[in-house]
């Protein structure tokens, strides 16, 4: 039994846990892999914000063009008014807005994909404890695998709008974005999707308040893959599309008998 821990005022303090006895189960340390529409939207937006980073020059200063997602209310307001305005009614320039407009099944998609899986060995397995018993008895280590269903493939389209004050600014933004066509968009160490930018449609507007602005519209075709977190198996039971699996290991004990005979 551990003796109580007292401080200088003879007050019993709570016992500190020995961190050396802490253990961690690897049953739940694998985050299920899932690729949803929000994952694809985020990859496209983040790539424009952090990789492309379109910049315009205004008043001899370089300004990065803000990129935002066009939710239905924001997009409708921009279509009616022809521009985005802040809470005070002022037109926001420069700015870029992206929204998802369509999704269709890719030709390489196969309806049997959801019944097939990839098998990946994950390396270290905490179930394989190194001790003398395992070495002497030749215990076979258990392999740890990540079992992942094959995703479905889709062609997803996005529509983008760009607003700038001058044509020269718009030219620079268009050049920056168009140069990234046919590249894989997404952040490093994360999901990436091949994006192709179609033609730009350029419009010069003169709103009611006589503030001149230049607007450009473009579309992005994205080759994407979708994998929900769970799906029905062949028997109609719902299961995770990404899960852990372990290979069996077996210990066999051999029994030896020694017979002693006394021949006199």
Protein backbone atom coordinates (compact mmCIF):
# COMPACT_ATOMS: atom_id res chain seq x y z
CA UNK A 1 0.00 0.00 0.00
CA UNK A 2 1.30 3.45 -0.90
CA UNK A 3 1.86 5.82 2.00
CA UNK A 4 -0.21 9.04 2.02
CA UNK A 5 1.45 12.09 0.54
CA UNK A 6 1.65 15.05 2.99
CA UNK A 7 2.72 18.62 2.38
CA UNK A 8 4.48 20.90 4.88
CA UNK A 9 1.15 21.73 6.58
CA UNK A 10 0.38 18.03 7.14
CA UNK A 11 -2.48 18.13 4.63
CA UNK A 12 -2.99 14.93 2.70
CA UNK A 13 -2.47 15.52 -1.00
CA UNK A 14 -4.03 13.40 -3.75
CA UNK A 15 -1.85 10.57 -4.98
CA UNK A 16 -0.11 11.17 -8.29
CA UNK A 17 -0.72 8.48 -10.85
CA UNK A 18 2.34 6.69 -12.14
CA UNK A 19 2.31 7.48 -15.87
CA UNK A 20 4.46 4.43 -16.44
CA UNK A 21 1.41 2.24 -15.89
CA UNK A 22 -0.71 4.10 -18.43
CA UNK A 23 -1.65 2.04 -21.44
CA UNK A 24 -3.35 2.94 -24.69
CA UNK A 25 -5.62 0.64 -26.62
CA UNK A 26 -5.11 0.73 -30.36
CA UNK A 27 -8.67 -0.45 -31.05
CA UNK A 28 -9.98 3.07 -31.52
CA UNK A 29 -6.91 5.07 -32.52
CA UNK A 30 -7.64 4.75 -36.22
CA UNK A 31 -9.88 7.52 -37.48
CA UNK A 32 -12.38 6.14 -40.02
CA UNK A 33 -11.60 7.31 -43.53
CA UNK A 34 -14.49 9.15 -45.18
CA UNK A 35 -14.60 11.54 -48.14
CA UNK A 36 -17.79 13.55 -48.36
CA UNK A 37 -18.94 16.48 -50.46
CA UNK A 38 -17.86 18.88 -47.71
CA UNK A 39 -14.35 17.37 -47.89
CA UNK A 40 -14.19 18.13 -51.61
CA UNK A 41 -15.60 21.66 -51.18
CA UNK A 42 -13.04 22.40 -48.49
CA UNK A 43 -10.15 21.08 -50.62
CA UNK A 44 -11.09 23.37 -53.53
CA UNK A 45 -11.58 26.46 -51.35
CA UNK A 46 -8.43 25.89 -49.28
CA UNK A 47 -6.32 25.35 -52.40
CA UNK A 48 -7.43 28.72 -53.78
CA UNK A 49 -6.84 30.39 -50.41
CA UNK A 50 -3.50 28.86 -49.44
CA UNK A 51 -1.86 27.73 -52.70
CA UNK A 52 -3.09 29.88 -55.58
CA UNK A 53 -3.51 33.00 -53.41
CA UNK A 54 -4.52 35.42 -56.21
CA UNK A 55 -3.14 38.93 -55.58
CA UNK A 56 -4.08 42.32 -57.02
CA UNK A 57 -2.23 45.63 -56.78
CA UNK A 58 -4.24 48.51 -55.38
CA UNK A 59 -2.87 51.91 -54.29
CA UNK A 60 0.64 50.50 -54.80
CA UNK A 61 -0.09 47.71 -52.30
CA UNK A 62 -0.53 44.01 -52.95
CA UNK A 63 -3.82 42.64 -51.66
CA UNK A 64 -4.71 38.95 -51.56
CA UNK A 65 -8.15 38.32 -53.03
CA UNK A 66 -10.49 36.79 -50.38
CA UNK A 67 -12.08 33.49 -51.43
CA UNK A 68 -15.40 32.44 -49.90
CA UNK A 69 -17.98 29.73 -50.43
CA UNK A 70 -21.21 30.90 -52.07
CA UNK A 71 -24.04 29.68 -49.87
CA UNK A 72 -27.53 30.04 -51.42
CA UNK A 73 -28.34 33.37 -49.70
CA UNK A 74 -25.00 34.97 -50.56
CA UNK A 75 -25.06 33.71 -54.15
CA UNK A 76 -28.63 34.90 -54.76
CA UNK A 77 -27.80 38.33 -53.36
CA UNK A 78 -24.75 38.60 -55.64
CA UNK A 79 -26.78 37.57 -58.70
CA UNK A 80 -29.53 40.11 -58.03
CA UNK A 81 -27.27 43.02 -57.08
CA UNK A 82 -24.40 42.12 -59.40
CA UNK A 83 -21.88 42.41 -56.56
CA UNK A 84 -21.26 41.52 -52.93
CA UNK A 85 -21.92 44.22 -50.34
CA UNK A 86 -20.98 44.50 -46.67
CA UNK A 87 -23.30 45.42 -43.80
CA UNK A 88 -23.00 49.12 -44.73
CA UNK A 89 -24.01 48.50 -48.35
CA UNK A 90 -20.51 49.04 -49.75
CA UNK A 91 -19.34 46.84 -52.64
CA UNK A 92 -16.56 44.47 -51.60
CA UNK A 93 -13.65 44.55 -54.05
CA UNK A 94 -11.67 42.48 -54.86
CA UNK A 95 -13.37 39.19 -53.93
CA UNK A 96 -13.95 35.67 -55.26
CA UNK A 97 -16.86 33.32 -54.57
CA UNK A 98 -17.15 29.59 -55.36
CA UNK A 99 -20.13 27.24 -55.19
CA UNK A 100 -20.86 23.63 -56.17
CA UNK A 101 -23.37 23.42 -59.02
CA UNK A 102 -23.53 19.78 -60.14
CA UNK A 103 -22.51 16.19 -59.57
CA UNK A 104 -22.71 13.21 -61.93
CA UNK A 105 -21.39 9.67 -61.88
CA UNK A 106 -18.04 9.13 -63.54
CA UNK A 107 -17.76 6.64 -66.41
CA UNK A 108 -15.13 4.59 -64.53
CA UNK A 109 -17.51 4.04 -61.62
CA UNK A 110 -18.61 0.47 -60.90
CA UNK A 111 -21.69 -0.52 -58.87
CA UNK A 112 -19.74 -3.34 -57.21
CA UNK A 113 -17.13 -0.95 -55.77
CA UNK A 114 -18.84 -0.76 -52.39
CA UNK A 115 -18.48 -4.54 -51.96
CA UNK A 116 -14.73 -4.52 -52.61
CA UNK A 117 -12.00 -3.42 -50.21
CA UNK A 118 -8.38 -2.34 -50.08
CA UNK A 119 -6.13 -3.91 -47.46
CA UNK A 120 -3.25 -1.85 -46.02
CA UNK A 121 -0.74 -3.05 -43.44
CA UNK A 122 -0.37 -0.39 -40.76
CA UNK A 123 2.99 -1.44 -39.34
CA UNK A 124 3.49 -1.39 -35.57
CA UNK A 125 0.94 -3.29 -33.53
CA UNK A 126 0.73 -2.87 -29.76
CA UNK A 127 -0.65 -6.40 -29.45
CA UNK A 128 2.81 -7.75 -30.24
CA UNK A 129 4.51 -7.32 -26.88
CA UNK A 130 8.18 -8.27 -26.97
CA UNK A 131 9.02 -10.60 -24.09
CA UNK A 132 11.03 -13.75 -23.46
CA UNK A 133 7.92 -15.90 -23.65
CA UNK A 134 7.25 -14.78 -27.21
CA UNK A 135 10.87 -15.29 -28.24
CA UNK A 136 11.31 -18.73 -26.67
CA UNK A 137 7.99 -20.11 -27.91
CA UNK A 138 8.20 -18.57 -31.37
CA UNK A 139 4.95 -16.64 -31.11
CA UNK A 140 3.93 -15.38 -34.52
CA UNK A 141 3.20 -11.62 -34.43
CA UNK A 142 -0.28 -10.42 -35.29
CA UNK A 143 -0.47 -8.11 -38.31
CA UNK A 144 -2.63 -4.99 -38.11
CA UNK A 145 -4.52 -3.91 -41.25
CA UNK A 146 -6.71 -1.03 -42.34
CA UNK A 147 -9.62 -2.34 -44.43
CA UNK A 148 -11.13 0.38 -46.64
CA UNK A 149 -13.95 0.11 -49.16
CA UNK A 150 -13.39 1.35 -52.71
CA UNK A 151 -14.97 4.82 -53.17
CA UNK A 152 -17.39 5.90 -55.88
CA UNK A 153 -16.09 8.29 -58.55
CA UNK A 154 -17.95 11.44 -59.61
CA UNK A 155 -17.52 14.48 -61.84
CA UNK A 156 -18.32 17.55 -59.75
CA UNK A 157 -18.70 21.04 -61.21
CA UNK A 158 -18.13 24.36 -59.48
CA UNK A 159 -18.98 27.86 -60.59
CA UNK A 160 -16.82 30.80 -59.63
CA UNK A 161 -17.29 34.57 -59.69
CA UNK A 162 -14.52 37.16 -59.39
CA UNK A 163 -15.00 40.88 -58.79
CA UNK A 164 -12.26 43.49 -59.19
CA UNK A 165 -12.22 47.23 -59.70
CA UNK A 166 -10.02 47.38 -62.81
CA UNK A 167 -9.45 45.17 -65.83
CA UNK A 168 -5.73 45.01 -65.12
CA UNK A 169 -6.47 43.47 -61.71
CA UNK A 170 -8.84 40.93 -63.24
CA UNK A 171 -6.23 39.88 -65.79
CA UNK A 172 -3.75 39.03 -63.02
CA UNK A 173 -6.32 36.99 -61.08
CA UNK A 174 -7.42 35.07 -64.17
CA UNK A 175 -3.81 34.32 -65.08
CA UNK A 176 -3.07 32.96 -61.60
CA UNK A 177 -6.13 30.69 -61.54
CA UNK A 178 -6.00 29.42 -65.13
CA UNK A 179 -2.37 28.39 -64.70
CA UNK A 180 -3.49 25.83 -62.06
CA UNK A 181 -5.80 23.96 -64.46
CA UNK A 182 -5.32 20.17 -64.73
CA UNK A 183 -3.59 20.04 -61.35
CA UNK A 184 -4.51 18.14 -58.19
CA UNK A 185 -6.14 20.59 -55.80
CA UNK A 186 -6.01 20.12 -52.05
CA UNK A 187 -3.74 20.59 -49.08
CA UNK A 188 -0.56 18.61 -48.47
CA UNK A 189 -0.98 15.36 -46.51
CA UNK A 190 -4.70 15.38 -47.27
CA UNK A 191 -7.15 14.47 -50.01
CA UNK A 192 -6.51 15.96 -53.46
CA UNK A 193 -8.71 16.08 -56.54
CA UNK A 194 -7.87 16.82 -60.17
CA UNK A 195 -9.41 20.13 -61.26
CA UNK A 196 -9.81 21.50 -64.77
CA UNK A 197 -10.81 25.13 -65.35
CA UNK A 198 -13.03 25.90 -68.31
CA UNK A 199 -13.47 29.20 -70.14
CA UNK A 200 -13.72 32.56 -68.39
CA UNK A 201 -16.64 34.87 -69.17
CA UNK A 202 -15.80 38.50 -68.51
CA UNK A 203 -18.37 41.22 -67.84
CA UNK A 204 -17.89 44.93 -67.07
CA UNK A 205 -20.68 46.31 -64.85
CA UNK A 206 -21.75 49.82 -63.90
CA UNK A 207 -23.99 49.46 -60.83
CA UNK A 208 -26.57 52.04 -59.81
CA UNK A 209 -24.16 53.87 -57.51
CA UNK A 210 -21.82 54.47 -60.50
CA UNK A 211 -19.02 52.42 -58.89
CA UNK A 212 -17.28 50.69 -61.77
CA UNK A 213 -16.38 47.02 -61.37
CA UNK A 214 -15.21 44.11 -63.51
CA UNK A 215 -16.75 40.67 -63.07
CA UNK A 216 -15.56 37.32 -64.42
CA UNK A 217 -17.34 33.96 -64.34
CA UNK A 218 -15.67 30.56 -64.72
CA UNK A 219 -16.34 26.88 -64.07
CA UNK A 220 -14.22 24.11 -62.55
CA UNK A 221 -14.62 20.41 -63.40
CA UNK A 222 -13.34 18.20 -60.58
CA UNK A 223 -12.62 14.47 -60.78
CA UNK A 224 -13.55 13.40 -57.27
CA UNK A 225 -14.24 10.28 -55.22
CA UNK A 226 -16.83 9.86 -52.48
CA UNK A 227 -16.66 7.40 -49.58
CA UNK A 228 -19.34 7.65 -46.85
CA UNK A 229 -18.43 6.74 -43.28
CA UNK A 230 -20.71 3.67 -43.34
CA UNK A 231 -22.58 1.62 -45.95
CA UNK A 232 -24.67 -1.54 -46.31
CA UNK A 233 -22.83 -4.78 -46.93
CA UNK A 234 -24.00 -7.70 -49.08
CA UNK A 235 -26.31 -8.90 -46.31
CA UNK A 236 -27.93 -5.51 -45.82
CA UNK A 237 -26.11 -4.78 -42.55
CA UNK A 238 -24.59 -1.36 -42.02
CA UNK A 239 -20.87 -1.34 -41.34
CA UNK A 240 -18.00 1.13 -41.39
CA UNK A 241 -16.32 1.60 -44.76
CA UNK A 242 -12.95 1.91 -43.00
CA UNK A 243 -12.09 -0.37 -40.10
CA UNK A 244 -9.23 -2.21 -38.40
CA UNK A 245 -8.52 -5.92 -38.81
CA UNK A 246 -5.94 -8.22 -37.26
CA UNK A 247 -4.39 -11.42 -38.50
CA UNK A 248 -4.57 -14.37 -36.07
CA UNK A 249 -1.65 -15.52 -34.01
CA UNK A 250 -1.38 -18.88 -32.33
CA UNK A 251 0.71 -20.40 -29.55
CA UNK A 252 1.23 -24.18 -29.63
CA UNK A 253 2.64 -25.94 -26.57
CA UNK A 254 4.50 -29.22 -27.10
CA UNK A 255 4.42 -31.77 -24.29
CA UNK A 256 7.42 -33.97 -23.76
CA UNK A 257 7.47 -37.01 -21.47
CA UNK A 258 10.64 -38.42 -19.95
CA UNK A 259 10.52 -42.08 -18.95
CA UNK A 260 13.14 -43.36 -16.58
CA UNK A 261 13.75 -47.13 -16.39
CA UNK A 262 15.86 -48.78 -13.77
CA UNK A 263 17.51 -51.86 -15.21
CA UNK A 264 19.07 -53.78 -12.45
